[in-house]
């Protein structure tokens, strides 16, 4: 999500509720951004996705290394 005070489209606390329903979900805050952080901070977003895929693996299971 973006920062709580900057996201005025979907409140981040509401978005974080998805963590309850998706066991492999992770939450991260992209600093100094609001709702469209994946666009306005695309490099930071891509790095978060890369780390998530590395951790979970492409089959949705926790990677073992």
C-alpha atoms as a PDB file:
ATOM      1  CA  UNK A   1       0.000   0.000   0.000  1.00  0.00           C
ATOM      2  CA  UNK A   2       0.923   3.620   0.063  1.00  0.00           C
ATOM      3  CA  UNK A   3       1.302   5.411   3.347  1.00  0.00           C
ATOM      4  CA  UNK A   4      -1.849   5.498   5.455  1.00  0.00           C
ATOM      5  CA  UNK A   5      -2.099   9.297   5.344  1.00  0.00           C
ATOM      6  CA  UNK A   6      -1.512   9.530   1.583  1.00  0.00           C
ATOM      7  CA  UNK A   7      -3.850   6.844   0.189  1.00  0.00           C
ATOM      8  CA  UNK A   8      -7.253   8.459  -0.062  1.00  0.00           C
ATOM      9  CA  UNK A   9      -8.807   6.018  -2.527  1.00  0.00           C
ATOM     10  CA  UNK A  10      -8.751   2.756  -0.550  1.00  0.00           C
ATOM     11  CA  UNK A  11      -7.712   3.141   3.081  1.00  0.00           C
ATOM     12  CA  UNK A  12      -4.654   0.916   3.708  1.00  0.00           C
ATOM     13  CA  UNK A  13      -6.214  -0.621   6.845  1.00  0.00           C
ATOM     14  CA  UNK A  14      -8.960  -2.009   4.589  1.00  0.00           C
ATOM     15  CA  UNK A  15      -6.412  -3.394   2.150  1.00  0.00           C
ATOM     16  CA  UNK A  16      -4.488  -5.076   4.959  1.00  0.00           C
ATOM     17  CA  UNK A  17      -7.592  -7.131   5.762  1.00  0.00           C
ATOM     18  CA  UNK A  18      -6.715  -9.264   2.715  1.00  0.00           C
ATOM     19  CA  UNK A  19      -3.865 -10.724   4.755  1.00  0.00           C
ATOM     20  CA  UNK A  20      -6.472 -12.628   6.736  1.00  0.00           C
ATOM     21  CA  UNK A  21      -7.838 -14.372   3.638  1.00  0.00           C
ATOM     22  CA  UNK A  22      -4.715 -15.085   1.596  1.00  0.00           C
ATOM     23  CA  UNK A  23      -2.175 -17.163   3.526  1.00  0.00           C
ATOM     24  CA  UNK A  24       0.840 -16.287   1.365  1.00  0.00           C
ATOM     25  CA  UNK A  25       0.039 -12.584   1.133  1.00  0.00           C
ATOM     26  CA  UNK A  26       2.511 -10.022   2.378  1.00  0.00           C
ATOM     27  CA  UNK A  27       2.029  -6.363   3.158  1.00  0.00           C
ATOM     28  CA  UNK A  28       4.520  -3.622   2.379  1.00  0.00           C
ATOM     29  CA  UNK A  29       4.315   0.144   2.407  1.00  0.00           C
ATOM     30  CA  UNK A  30       5.813   2.108  -0.446  1.00  0.00           C
ATOM     31  CA  UNK A  31       7.118   5.256   1.204  1.00  0.00           C
ATOM     32  CA  UNK A  32       6.008   8.706   0.128  1.00  0.00           C
ATOM     33  CA  UNK A  33       3.192   7.485  -2.095  1.00  0.00           C
ATOM     34  CA  UNK A  34      -0.538   6.956  -2.000  1.00  0.00           C
ATOM     35  CA  UNK A  35      -2.935   4.744  -3.947  1.00  0.00           C
ATOM     36  CA  UNK A  36      -0.948   4.449  -7.171  1.00  0.00           C
ATOM     37  CA  UNK A  37       2.423   3.563  -5.718  1.00  0.00           C
ATOM     38  CA  UNK A  38       2.865   0.749  -8.235  1.00  0.00           C
ATOM     39  CA  UNK A  39       2.892   3.455 -10.931  1.00  0.00           C
ATOM     40  CA  UNK A  40       4.514   6.415  -9.213  1.00  0.00           C
ATOM     41  CA  UNK A  41       7.210   4.292  -7.557  1.00  0.00           C
ATOM     42  CA  UNK A  42       7.377   1.482 -10.119  1.00  0.00           C
ATOM     43  CA  UNK A  43      10.987   0.479  -9.353  1.00  0.00           C
ATOM     44  CA  UNK A  44      10.224   0.068  -5.654  1.00  0.00           C
ATOM     45  CA  UNK A  45       7.067  -1.894  -6.471  1.00  0.00           C
ATOM     46  CA  UNK A  46       8.950  -4.185  -8.874  1.00  0.00           C
ATOM     47  CA  UNK A  47      11.573  -4.877  -6.214  1.00  0.00           C
ATOM     48  CA  UNK A  48       8.870  -5.844  -3.702  1.00  0.00           C
ATOM     49  CA  UNK A  49       7.327  -8.223  -6.244  1.00  0.00           C
ATOM     50  CA  UNK A  50      10.739  -9.730  -7.067  1.00  0.00           C
ATOM     51  CA  UNK A  51      11.473 -10.375  -3.394  1.00  0.00           C
ATOM     52  CA  UNK A  52       8.025 -11.922  -2.912  1.00  0.00           C
ATOM     53  CA  UNK A  53       8.445 -14.287  -5.871  1.00  0.00           C
ATOM     54  CA  UNK A  54      11.922 -15.242  -4.683  1.00  0.00           C
ATOM     55  CA  UNK A  55      10.550 -16.007  -1.222  1.00  0.00           C
ATOM     56  CA  UNK A  56       7.425 -17.863  -2.257  1.00  0.00           C
ATOM     57  CA  UNK A  57       8.518 -19.355  -5.560  1.00  0.00           C
ATOM     58  CA  UNK A  58       6.553 -19.504  -8.789  1.00  0.00           C
ATOM     59  CA  UNK A  59       4.436 -22.449  -7.619  1.00  0.00           C
ATOM     60  CA  UNK A  60       3.041 -20.526  -4.636  1.00  0.00           C
ATOM     61  CA  UNK A  61       4.997 -22.464  -2.053  1.00  0.00           C
ATOM     62  CA  UNK A  62       7.662 -21.142   0.246  1.00  0.00           C
ATOM     63  CA  UNK A  63      11.010 -21.523  -1.482  1.00  0.00           C
ATOM     64  CA  UNK A  64      13.654 -23.580   0.295  1.00  0.00           C
ATOM     65  CA  UNK A  65      17.268 -22.640  -0.133  1.00  0.00           C
END
